[in-house]
Structures are given as structure tokens and as C-alpha cells.
């Protein structure tokens, strides 16, 4: 019988047997999504703390345009692209 040497995420290294991928089940996937939600929430919070007034204004305009198009059932790529541009510009201005 071999023993597990290390377990890292979904990978298990077994001495003299190689590396194995952990068996994936619904609970494991649910935990991954929960962890992703926590990480994304933290990232959004930290990004929001660094926003300038100009970036907040640009994001607010994008959000208003997005909502207006959503109420008409016409979410178009331009609103999403504007939001992504504002986010990219903000990220580029960070130290």
C-alpha cells in the first residue's frame, strides 16, 4: 500500500505511484464555486477602494447605459465594451 505524500487542490502525489487527479464530485465543485465567489468579491472590493472620481463617473455612465438597454431588451455589445474599457483604463492607472 502506498501513502499519499502531498495533496494540493485536486492533485494528489503518491509516493512511487505518480500523481493522480482527485475524484471530482458535486460537493467539490460547489466548494470551488463558493471559493471563487469569495475571491471575486474580495477583488471587486479592493478594486472599488482604489477607484478615482473620474472612474466612478465612467462606470456609472456605463451602468446607466447598460440598464437602459436592458429595460428595452437590447443589451448590446457596445455597453459591455464601454464597461470593459473603463475597467481596463482604471486598471492601467493603478500603481
C-alpha atoms as a PDB file:
ATOM      1  CA  UNK A   1       0.000   0.000   0.000  1.00  0.00           C
ATOM      2  CA  UNK A   2       1.349   3.433  -0.936  1.00  0.00           C
ATOM      3  CA  UNK A   3       0.789   6.537   1.103  1.00  0.00           C
ATOM      4  CA  UNK A   4      -0.119   9.996  -0.107  1.00  0.00           C
ATOM      5  CA  UNK A   5       2.796  12.353   0.046  1.00  0.00           C
ATOM      6  CA  UNK A   6       1.024  15.623  -0.676  1.00  0.00           C
ATOM      7  CA  UNK A   7      -2.411  16.781  -1.611  1.00  0.00           C
ATOM      8  CA  UNK A   8      -2.734  20.131  -3.362  1.00  0.00           C
ATOM      9  CA  UNK A   9      -6.184  21.166  -4.570  1.00  0.00           C
ATOM     10  CA  UNK A  10      -7.417  18.395  -6.806  1.00  0.00           C
ATOM     11  CA  UNK A  11      -3.992  16.766  -7.261  1.00  0.00           C
ATOM     12  CA  UNK A  12      -2.565  14.017  -5.078  1.00  0.00           C
ATOM     13  CA  UNK A  13       1.040  12.871  -5.317  1.00  0.00           C
ATOM     14  CA  UNK A  14       1.502   9.236  -4.305  1.00  0.00           C
ATOM     15  CA  UNK A  15       4.991   8.000  -3.470  1.00  0.00           C
ATOM     16  CA  UNK A  16       6.264   5.521  -6.095  1.00  0.00           C
ATOM     17  CA  UNK A  17       2.925   5.655  -7.913  1.00  0.00           C
ATOM     18  CA  UNK A  18       2.890   9.091  -9.507  1.00  0.00           C
ATOM     19  CA  UNK A  19       0.394  11.877  -9.455  1.00  0.00           C
ATOM     20  CA  UNK A  20      -3.337  11.344  -9.507  1.00  0.00           C
ATOM     21  CA  UNK A  21      -6.217  13.710 -10.137  1.00  0.00           C
ATOM     22  CA  UNK A  22      -8.629  13.747  -7.261  1.00  0.00           C
ATOM     23  CA  UNK A  23     -12.076  12.303  -7.837  1.00  0.00           C
ATOM     24  CA  UNK A  24     -14.452  15.173  -8.527  1.00  0.00           C
ATOM     25  CA  UNK A  25     -17.954  15.199  -7.083  1.00  0.00           C
ATOM     26  CA  UNK A  26     -20.747  17.756  -6.711  1.00  0.00           C
ATOM     27  CA  UNK A  27     -19.560  18.835  -3.253  1.00  0.00           C
ATOM     28  CA  UNK A  28     -16.053  19.555  -4.528  1.00  0.00           C
ATOM     29  CA  UNK A  29     -17.389  21.639  -7.434  1.00  0.00           C
ATOM     30  CA  UNK A  30     -19.746  23.502  -5.115  1.00  0.00           C
ATOM     31  CA  UNK A  31     -16.825  24.335  -2.822  1.00  0.00           C
ATOM     32  CA  UNK A  32     -14.803  25.602  -5.795  1.00  0.00           C
ATOM     33  CA  UNK A  33     -17.612  27.930  -6.873  1.00  0.00           C
ATOM     34  CA  UNK A  34     -18.041  29.176  -3.312  1.00  0.00           C
ATOM     35  CA  UNK A  35     -14.316  29.883  -3.064  1.00  0.00           C
ATOM     36  CA  UNK A  36     -14.394  31.661  -6.429  1.00  0.00           C
ATOM     37  CA  UNK A  37     -17.277  33.845  -5.227  1.00  0.00           C
ATOM     38  CA  UNK A  38     -15.347  34.845  -2.123  1.00  0.00           C
ATOM     39  CA  UNK A  39     -12.223  35.661  -4.142  1.00  0.00           C
ATOM     40  CA  UNK A  40     -14.135  37.677  -6.754  1.00  0.00           C
ATOM     41  CA  UNK A  41     -15.940  39.602  -4.027  1.00  0.00           C
ATOM     42  CA  UNK A  42     -12.641  40.470  -2.364  1.00  0.00           C
ATOM     43  CA  UNK A  43     -11.099  41.508  -5.689  1.00  0.00           C
ATOM     44  CA  UNK A  44     -14.081  43.741  -6.502  1.00  0.00           C
ATOM     45  CA  UNK A  45     -13.996  45.336  -3.059  1.00  0.00           C
ATOM     46  CA  UNK A  46     -10.271  46.063  -3.297  1.00  0.00           C
ATOM     47  CA  UNK A  47     -10.640  47.482  -6.818  1.00  0.00           C
ATOM     48  CA  UNK A  48     -13.532  49.692  -5.689  1.00  0.00           C
ATOM     49  CA  UNK A  49     -11.387  51.110  -2.888  1.00  0.00           C
ATOM     50  CA  UNK A  50      -8.907  52.375  -5.490  1.00  0.00           C
ATOM     51  CA  UNK A  51     -11.394  53.996  -7.898  1.00  0.00           C
ATOM     52  CA  UNK A  52     -10.987  57.672  -8.656  1.00  0.00           C
ATOM     53  CA  UNK A  53     -13.957  60.006  -9.050  1.00  0.00           C
ATOM     54  CA  UNK A  54     -13.400  60.000 -12.830  1.00  0.00           C
ATOM     55  CA  UNK A  55     -13.517  56.203 -12.940  1.00  0.00           C
ATOM     56  CA  UNK A  56     -16.617  56.112 -10.761  1.00  0.00           C
ATOM     57  CA  UNK A  57     -18.309  58.529 -13.151  1.00  0.00           C
ATOM     58  CA  UNK A  58     -17.336  56.466 -16.195  1.00  0.00           C
ATOM     59  CA  UNK A  59     -18.542  53.243 -14.566  1.00  0.00           C
ATOM     60  CA  UNK A  60     -21.774  54.923 -13.511  1.00  0.00           C
ATOM     61  CA  UNK A  61     -22.411  56.081 -17.093  1.00  0.00           C
ATOM     62  CA  UNK A  62     -21.724  52.580 -18.401  1.00  0.00           C
ATOM     63  CA  UNK A  63     -24.041  51.078 -15.813  1.00  0.00           C
ATOM     64  CA  UNK A  64     -26.820  53.528 -16.711  1.00  0.00           C
ATOM     65  CA  UNK A  65     -26.429  52.748 -20.414  1.00  0.00           C
ATOM     66  CA  UNK A  66     -26.447  49.027 -19.680  1.00  0.00           C
ATOM     67  CA  UNK A  67     -29.617  49.318 -17.547  1.00  0.00           C
ATOM     68  CA  UNK A  68     -31.369  51.427 -20.194  1.00  0.00           C
ATOM     69  CA  UNK A  69     -30.617  48.864 -22.874  1.00  0.00           C
ATOM     70  CA  UNK A  70     -31.621  46.022 -20.562  1.00  0.00           C
ATOM     71  CA  UNK A  71     -35.049  47.551 -19.940  1.00  0.00           C
ATOM     72  CA  UNK A  72     -35.561  47.701 -23.705  1.00  0.00           C
ATOM     73  CA  UNK A  73     -34.286  44.148 -24.085  1.00  0.00           C
ATOM     74  CA  UNK A  74     -31.407  45.417 -26.189  1.00  0.00           C
ATOM     75  CA  UNK A  75     -28.240  44.688 -24.323  1.00  0.00           C
ATOM     76  CA  UNK A  76     -25.672  45.372 -26.982  1.00  0.00           C
ATOM     77  CA  UNK A  77     -22.004  44.725 -27.126  1.00  0.00           C
ATOM     78  CA  UNK A  78     -21.206  48.450 -27.039  1.00  0.00           C
ATOM     79  CA  UNK A  79     -22.380  48.842 -23.428  1.00  0.00           C
ATOM     80  CA  UNK A  80     -20.345  45.841 -22.353  1.00  0.00           C
ATOM     81  CA  UNK A  81     -17.354  47.093 -24.339  1.00  0.00           C
ATOM     82  CA  UNK A  82     -17.611  50.531 -22.711  1.00  0.00           C
ATOM     83  CA  UNK A  83     -17.665  48.964 -19.268  1.00  0.00           C
ATOM     84  CA  UNK A  84     -14.664  46.783 -20.086  1.00  0.00           C
ATOM     85  CA  UNK A  85     -12.776  49.804 -21.461  1.00  0.00           C
ATOM     86  CA  UNK A  86     -13.457  51.769 -18.277  1.00  0.00           C
ATOM     87  CA  UNK A  87     -12.270  48.855 -16.156  1.00  0.00           C
ATOM     88  CA  UNK A  88      -9.158  48.386 -18.317  1.00  0.00           C
ATOM     89  CA  UNK A  89      -8.332  52.108 -18.157  1.00  0.00           C
ATOM     90  CA  UNK A  90      -8.723  52.077 -14.392  1.00  0.00           C
ATOM     91  CA  UNK A  91      -6.503  49.030 -14.025  1.00  0.00           C
ATOM     92  CA  UNK A  92      -3.837  50.659 -16.192  1.00  0.00           C
ATOM     93  CA  UNK A  93      -3.811  53.721 -13.933  1.00  0.00           C
ATOM     94  CA  UNK A  94      -3.143  51.735 -10.747  1.00  0.00           C
ATOM     95  CA  UNK A  95       0.363  51.972  -9.290  1.00  0.00           C
END
